[in-house]
Amino acid sequence: MKIGFIGLGLMGSAMAGNLIKAGHSLTVWNRSPEAVKALVAQGATAARTPADAMQGEVLFSMLASDQVMQDVGLDAALLEKAAKGLIHVNLATISPAFARALAAAHDSRGLGYVAAPVFARPDAAAKGMAVVIVAGANGDVAKVEPLLAQIGRRTVRVGETPEMANLFKIAGNFMIMSAVETLGEAFALLRKGGVDAGQFLDTMTEGLFAAPVYKNYGKQILDQAYEPAGFFLRLGLKDANIVKGASEELAVPMPLLDLVRGHYEEAMKKGWGEKDWAALGALVAEKAGL
C-alpha cells in the first residue's frame, strides 16, 4: 500500500519502520532530517514537503501535540493538498477537543480521519508490541485495521467518534503518571525509614501489583535511570494538561491529577523537561530530603 508518514520522533520512527518491514511503500517527512535519513536507509522515500507524504491511500502522523499539528497545517491548509479520499490515521496523544476539530476539518474536505493513539514505549513499539486505541467511522477503520495490526499487537475499537480514542488514551496516561507518583512516594517513605525499597518492589510486583507499569517504572525510579528518556517529562506535563482540560469540560473532579500535574510543573522549573517522565519519583525523593 502507498502510505505517507509525518512525524518521526522515537515512536513515529519505530512504527514507520514496522510498516516498511511489512512491505509497504512509505513516503516520510519530518521537521528535522536525521530521522528521515534513517528511514530512507530502510527503504522509505523522503518527502520534500508534508504535502508530498499525503498523496497515497493512507497518511499516518505522530506529532507531539495539538500545537505542532497546527504548525504543520494538518488541521487546515495542508489538508487542501491531500490526495482525494486519503485516510489520515493520527497516532498522537492529543486533546479530545482538538480531535473533534480535526475530524470536522477532514470531513469537510472529503478526507477520512481515524484517531489511533498508542500505548507503548519506543523499544516496545519497534517490536510491534504497541496497543492501538482506535475510533473513527466504521468504513475508514476497516480500511486501516490491517495496517494497525502491523504496528501493534492489539487494536482496541472504542467508538465511531475519533475523540473517544483520545479520551481513552489520556485516561490511561493519567493512570500511569499516578502510578509513578505512588511509587515515588512509597519508595521515599521506605528509604527514610531504613527499609530496602528494592525488596519492597520485588515483593509487591510479584503478586498484588504484578503489572509492567509498576515493575518497569519502579525499577527505573530505584535505578534513577531517567536519561535517555523513553517518554519526555515535558510531554507528561502536556498530557496532564490535556487531562485537566477534559476533566473541566466534562465536569469531573480529579484531585489526584492536580497533585501530579503540580509535580510535573515543579520538575519543569528544575529544567527536567528532557528527562523521562518517571523522574517524578526523583522529585518526590528530593522533597522528602533524600
Protein backbone atom coordinates (compact mmCIF):
# COMPACT_ATOMS: atom_id res chain seq x y z
CA MET A 1 0.00 0.00 0.00
CA LYS A 2 1.17 3.56 -0.68
CA ILE A 3 1.47 5.24 2.70
CA GLY A 4 2.72 8.59 4.00
CA PHE A 5 4.16 9.17 7.46
CA ILE A 6 4.61 12.57 9.12
CA GLY A 7 6.42 12.86 12.45
CA LEU A 8 9.46 10.67 13.03
CA GLY A 9 10.30 11.00 16.68
CA LEU A 10 11.19 7.92 18.71
CA MET A 11 7.69 6.46 18.43
CA GLY A 12 6.99 7.55 14.88
CA SER A 13 10.27 6.14 13.58
CA ALA A 14 9.62 2.82 15.31
CA MET A 15 6.17 2.40 13.79
CA ALA A 16 7.20 3.66 10.35
CA GLY A 17 9.94 1.05 10.39
CA ASN A 18 7.37 -1.66 11.05
CA LEU A 19 5.34 -0.57 8.03
CA ILE A 20 8.44 -0.72 5.83
CA LYS A 21 9.21 -4.22 7.10
CA ALA A 22 5.65 -5.22 6.22
CA GLY A 23 6.38 -4.34 2.58
CA HIS A 24 4.55 -1.03 2.18
CA SER A 25 5.73 1.89 0.05
CA LEU A 26 6.40 4.61 2.60
CA THR A 27 6.96 8.32 1.97
CA VAL A 28 8.18 10.09 5.11
CA TRP A 29 8.52 13.67 6.31
CA ASN A 30 9.93 15.14 9.50
CA ARG A 31 10.88 18.63 10.59
CA SER A 32 14.45 17.51 11.34
CA PRO A 33 16.20 15.48 8.62
CA GLU A 34 18.15 12.93 10.67
CA ALA A 35 15.18 10.62 11.28
CA VAL A 36 14.22 10.84 7.59
CA LYS A 37 17.68 9.66 6.56
CA ALA A 38 17.42 6.66 8.90
CA LEU A 39 14.07 5.61 7.38
CA VAL A 40 15.34 6.15 3.83
CA ALA A 41 18.16 3.75 4.65
CA GLN A 42 15.46 1.20 5.49
CA GLY A 43 13.69 1.72 2.17
CA ALA A 44 11.43 4.75 2.62
CA THR A 45 11.20 7.72 0.24
CA ALA A 46 11.94 11.19 1.60
CA ALA A 47 9.19 13.76 1.09
CA ARG A 48 10.31 17.29 0.21
CA THR A 49 7.23 18.76 1.90
CA PRO A 50 4.50 17.42 4.21
CA ALA A 51 2.09 17.52 1.24
CA ASP A 52 4.28 15.01 -0.62
CA ALA A 53 3.54 12.50 2.13
CA MET A 54 -0.22 12.94 1.59
CA GLN A 55 -0.51 11.61 -1.95
CA GLY A 56 -1.10 7.94 -1.14
CA GLU A 57 -4.03 5.98 0.23
CA VAL A 58 -3.26 6.47 3.93
CA LEU A 59 -1.36 9.06 5.96
CA PHE A 60 -0.01 8.25 9.41
CA SER A 61 1.05 11.11 11.67
CA MET A 62 2.80 11.06 15.03
CA LEU A 63 3.35 14.65 16.13
CA ALA A 64 3.98 15.81 19.68
CA SER A 65 0.96 18.00 20.42
CA ASP A 66 -2.09 19.90 19.22
CA GLN A 67 0.11 22.92 18.56
CA VAL A 68 2.66 21.02 16.47
CA MET A 69 -0.13 19.59 14.32
CA GLN A 70 -1.46 23.10 13.80
CA ASP A 71 2.02 24.37 12.96
CA VAL A 72 2.40 21.69 10.28
CA GLY A 73 -1.06 22.52 8.95
CA LEU A 74 -2.80 19.19 9.49
CA ASP A 75 -5.89 20.93 10.82
CA ALA A 76 -6.44 23.20 7.84
CA ALA A 77 -4.27 24.40 4.96
CA LEU A 78 -2.29 21.22 4.39
CA LEU A 79 -5.47 19.18 4.01
CA GLU A 80 -6.26 21.04 0.80
CA LYS A 81 -3.21 19.38 -0.78
CA ALA A 82 -4.08 15.80 0.17
CA ALA A 83 -4.92 13.09 -2.35
CA LYS A 84 -8.64 12.56 -2.90
CA GLY A 85 -10.10 10.06 -0.45
CA LEU A 86 -6.99 9.96 1.76
CA ILE A 87 -7.49 8.48 5.24
CA HIS A 88 -5.45 10.18 7.95
CA VAL A 89 -4.56 7.96 10.91
CA ASN A 90 -3.41 10.12 13.82
CA LEU A 91 -1.30 8.11 16.26
CA ALA A 92 -0.59 11.03 18.59
CA THR A 93 -1.90 11.79 22.05
CA ILE A 94 -3.90 14.98 21.52
CA SER A 95 -6.80 16.64 23.29
CA PRO A 96 -10.32 15.34 22.67
CA ALA A 97 -11.38 18.89 21.77
CA PHE A 98 -8.73 19.13 19.06
CA ALA A 99 -9.67 15.65 17.83
CA ARG A 100 -13.20 16.94 17.25
CA ALA A 101 -11.86 19.86 15.26
CA LEU A 102 -9.61 17.61 13.19
CA ALA A 103 -12.43 15.20 12.39
CA ALA A 104 -14.62 18.09 11.20
CA ALA A 105 -11.80 19.60 9.13
CA HIS A 106 -11.15 16.30 7.37
CA ASP A 107 -14.82 15.56 6.80
CA SER A 108 -15.43 18.95 5.21
CA ARG A 109 -12.74 18.14 2.65
CA GLY A 110 -13.86 14.60 1.88
CA LEU A 111 -10.99 13.00 3.79
CA GLY A 112 -11.13 10.20 6.31
CA TYR A 113 -9.89 10.69 9.86
CA VAL A 114 -9.11 7.92 12.36
CA ALA A 115 -7.76 8.51 15.85
CA ALA A 116 -5.34 5.75 16.84
CA PRO A 117 -3.20 6.76 19.85
CA VAL A 118 -0.93 4.04 21.17
CA PHE A 119 0.28 2.65 24.48
CA ALA A 120 3.95 1.68 24.19
CA ARG A 121 7.47 2.79 24.91
CA PRO A 122 9.65 3.25 21.79
CA ASP A 123 11.51 -0.04 22.25
CA ALA A 124 8.24 -1.94 22.52
CA ALA A 125 6.77 -0.07 19.55
CA ALA A 126 9.77 -1.08 17.42
CA LYS A 127 8.97 -4.72 18.21
CA GLY A 128 5.33 -4.28 17.16
CA MET A 129 4.10 -4.53 20.76
CA ALA A 130 2.03 -1.35 20.90
CA VAL A 131 -1.62 -1.40 21.94
CA VAL A 132 -3.53 0.81 19.49
CA ILE A 133 -6.72 2.55 20.63
CA VAL A 134 -8.94 3.26 17.62
CA ALA A 135 -12.01 5.37 16.94
CA GLY A 136 -13.48 6.62 13.69
CA ALA A 137 -16.05 5.89 11.02
CA ASN A 138 -16.50 2.16 10.55
CA GLY A 139 -15.54 2.22 6.87
CA ASP A 140 -12.35 4.17 7.48
CA VAL A 141 -11.32 2.00 10.41
CA ALA A 142 -11.93 -1.18 8.41
CA LYS A 143 -9.57 0.04 5.68
CA VAL A 144 -6.70 0.79 8.05
CA GLU A 145 -7.09 -2.03 10.57
CA PRO A 146 -4.72 -4.36 8.66
CA LEU A 147 -2.06 -1.64 8.88
CA LEU A 148 -2.67 -1.12 12.58
CA ALA A 149 -2.18 -4.85 13.10
CA GLN A 150 1.28 -4.44 11.57
CA ILE A 151 2.37 -1.74 14.01
CA GLY A 152 0.85 -3.15 17.21
CA ARG A 153 -0.01 -6.39 18.95
CA ARG A 154 -3.60 -5.40 19.73
CA THR A 155 -6.17 -2.98 18.31
CA VAL A 156 -8.96 -1.80 20.62
CA ARG A 157 -12.05 -0.26 18.98
CA VAL A 158 -13.70 2.24 21.30
CA GLY A 159 -16.24 4.05 19.11
CA GLU A 160 -17.04 5.85 15.88
CA THR A 161 -16.21 9.33 17.17
CA PRO A 162 -12.43 9.92 16.97
CA GLU A 163 -12.22 11.94 20.17
CA MET A 164 -13.27 8.84 22.15
CA ALA A 165 -9.90 7.21 21.41
CA ASN A 166 -8.06 10.28 22.68
CA LEU A 167 -10.12 10.40 25.87
CA PHE A 168 -9.34 6.71 26.39
CA LYS A 169 -5.61 7.34 25.88
CA ILE A 170 -5.29 10.31 28.21
CA ALA A 171 -7.21 8.43 30.92
CA GLY A 172 -4.64 5.66 30.57
CA ASN A 173 -1.75 8.11 30.73
CA PHE A 174 -3.28 9.63 33.86
CA MET A 175 -3.18 6.17 35.47
CA ILE A 176 0.49 5.75 34.51
CA MET A 177 1.56 9.12 35.89
CA SER A 178 -0.42 8.43 39.06
CA ALA A 179 1.33 5.07 39.45
CA VAL A 180 4.72 6.78 39.11
CA GLU A 181 3.71 9.27 41.82
CA THR A 182 2.61 6.39 44.06
CA LEU A 183 5.87 4.52 43.56
CA GLY A 184 7.93 7.61 44.27
CA GLU A 185 6.06 8.37 47.48
CA ALA A 186 6.21 4.75 48.71
CA PHE A 187 9.95 4.49 48.00
CA ALA A 188 10.67 7.79 49.74
CA LEU A 189 8.77 6.63 52.83
CA LEU A 190 10.65 3.33 52.92
CA ARG A 191 14.08 4.83 52.33
CA LYS A 192 13.63 7.39 55.10
CA GLY A 193 12.62 4.54 57.42
CA GLY A 194 15.65 2.45 56.50
CA VAL A 195 13.70 -0.22 54.58
CA ASP A 196 15.02 -1.72 51.32
CA ALA A 197 12.83 -0.23 48.56
CA GLY A 198 14.14 -2.79 46.06
CA GLN A 199 12.96 -5.67 48.23
CA PHE A 200 9.63 -3.91 48.60
CA LEU A 201 9.25 -3.55 44.82
CA ASP A 202 10.09 -7.22 44.22
CA THR A 203 7.58 -8.30 46.83
CA MET A 204 4.72 -6.07 45.71
CA THR A 205 5.12 -6.73 41.98
CA GLU A 206 5.32 -10.48 42.49
CA GLY A 207 1.63 -10.56 43.31
CA LEU A 208 -0.53 -7.62 44.29
CA PHE A 209 0.93 -5.20 41.73
CA ALA A 210 2.18 -7.64 39.10
CA ALA A 211 1.95 -5.19 36.19
CA PRO A 212 4.52 -3.78 33.76
CA VAL A 213 3.85 -0.21 34.87
CA TYR A 214 4.79 -0.95 38.47
CA LYS A 215 7.65 -3.30 37.61
CA ASN A 216 9.29 -1.19 34.90
CA TYR A 217 8.78 2.28 36.34
CA GLY A 218 9.56 1.03 39.83
CA LYS A 219 12.95 -0.25 38.68
CA GLN A 220 13.56 2.94 36.75
CA ILE A 221 12.96 5.03 39.87
CA LEU A 222 15.14 2.75 42.02
CA ASP A 223 17.95 2.95 39.47
CA GLN A 224 17.40 6.69 38.96
CA ALA A 225 17.55 5.92 35.22
CA TYR A 226 15.87 9.00 33.75
CA GLU A 227 18.10 9.57 30.72
CA PRO A 228 17.87 8.89 27.87
CA ALA A 229 14.12 9.36 28.12
CA GLY A 230 11.67 6.86 26.69
CA PHE A 231 8.95 9.48 27.17
CA PHE A 232 9.94 13.06 27.93
CA LEU A 233 8.76 14.65 31.15
CA ARG A 234 7.66 17.75 29.21
CA LEU A 235 5.25 15.51 27.28
CA GLY A 236 3.99 14.13 30.58
CA LEU A 237 3.04 17.65 31.59
CA LYS A 238 1.43 18.17 28.18
CA ASP A 239 -0.71 15.08 28.75
CA ALA A 240 -1.57 16.13 32.30
CA ASN A 241 -2.78 19.46 30.93
CA ILE A 242 -4.89 17.63 28.33
CA VAL A 243 -6.48 15.53 31.07
CA LYS A 244 -7.14 18.71 33.05
CA GLY A 245 -8.90 20.29 30.08
CA ALA A 246 -11.04 17.20 29.51
CA SER A 247 -11.94 16.94 33.21
CA GLU A 248 -13.10 20.55 33.22
CA GLU A 249 -15.10 20.12 30.02
CA LEU A 250 -16.85 17.04 31.42
CA ALA A 251 -17.14 18.44 34.98
CA VAL A 252 -15.19 15.56 36.57
CA PRO A 253 -13.23 16.47 39.74
CA MET A 254 -9.73 14.91 39.61
CA PRO A 255 -7.81 15.99 42.73
CA LEU A 256 -5.06 13.39 42.21
CA LEU A 257 -4.47 14.84 38.74
CA ASP A 258 -3.98 18.27 40.27
CA LEU A 259 -1.30 16.89 42.59
CA VAL A 260 0.58 15.06 39.85
CA ARG A 261 0.27 17.95 37.42
CA GLY A 262 1.71 20.29 40.04
CA HIS A 263 4.70 17.99 40.48
CA TYR A 264 5.35 17.95 36.75
CA GLU A 265 5.27 21.74 36.76
CA GLU A 266 7.84 21.75 39.58
CA ALA A 267 10.06 19.34 37.68
CA MET A 268 9.87 21.50 34.57
CA LYS A 269 11.01 24.53 36.59
CA LYS A 270 14.08 22.48 37.56
CA GLY A 271 14.91 22.01 33.89
CA TRP A 272 13.97 18.33 33.81
CA GLY A 273 11.87 18.51 30.65
CA GLU A 274 14.16 16.17 28.68
CA LYS A 275 14.30 13.56 31.43
CA ASP A 276 11.95 10.58 31.41
CA TRP A 277 8.56 11.32 32.95
CA ALA A 278 9.41 8.75 35.64
CA ALA A 279 11.66 11.47 37.12
CA LEU A 280 8.57 12.40 39.09
CA GLY A 281 9.96 9.79 41.52
CA ALA A 282 13.17 11.82 41.88
CA LEU A 283 11.17 14.96 42.65
CA VAL A 284 9.26 13.19 45.41
CA ALA A 285 12.53 11.87 46.87
CA GLU A 286 14.06 15.33 46.78
CA LYS A 287 11.03 16.84 48.51
CA ALA A 288 11.48 14.18 51.23
CA GLY A 289 15.08 15.29 51.77
CA LEU A 290 16.66 12.24 50.15
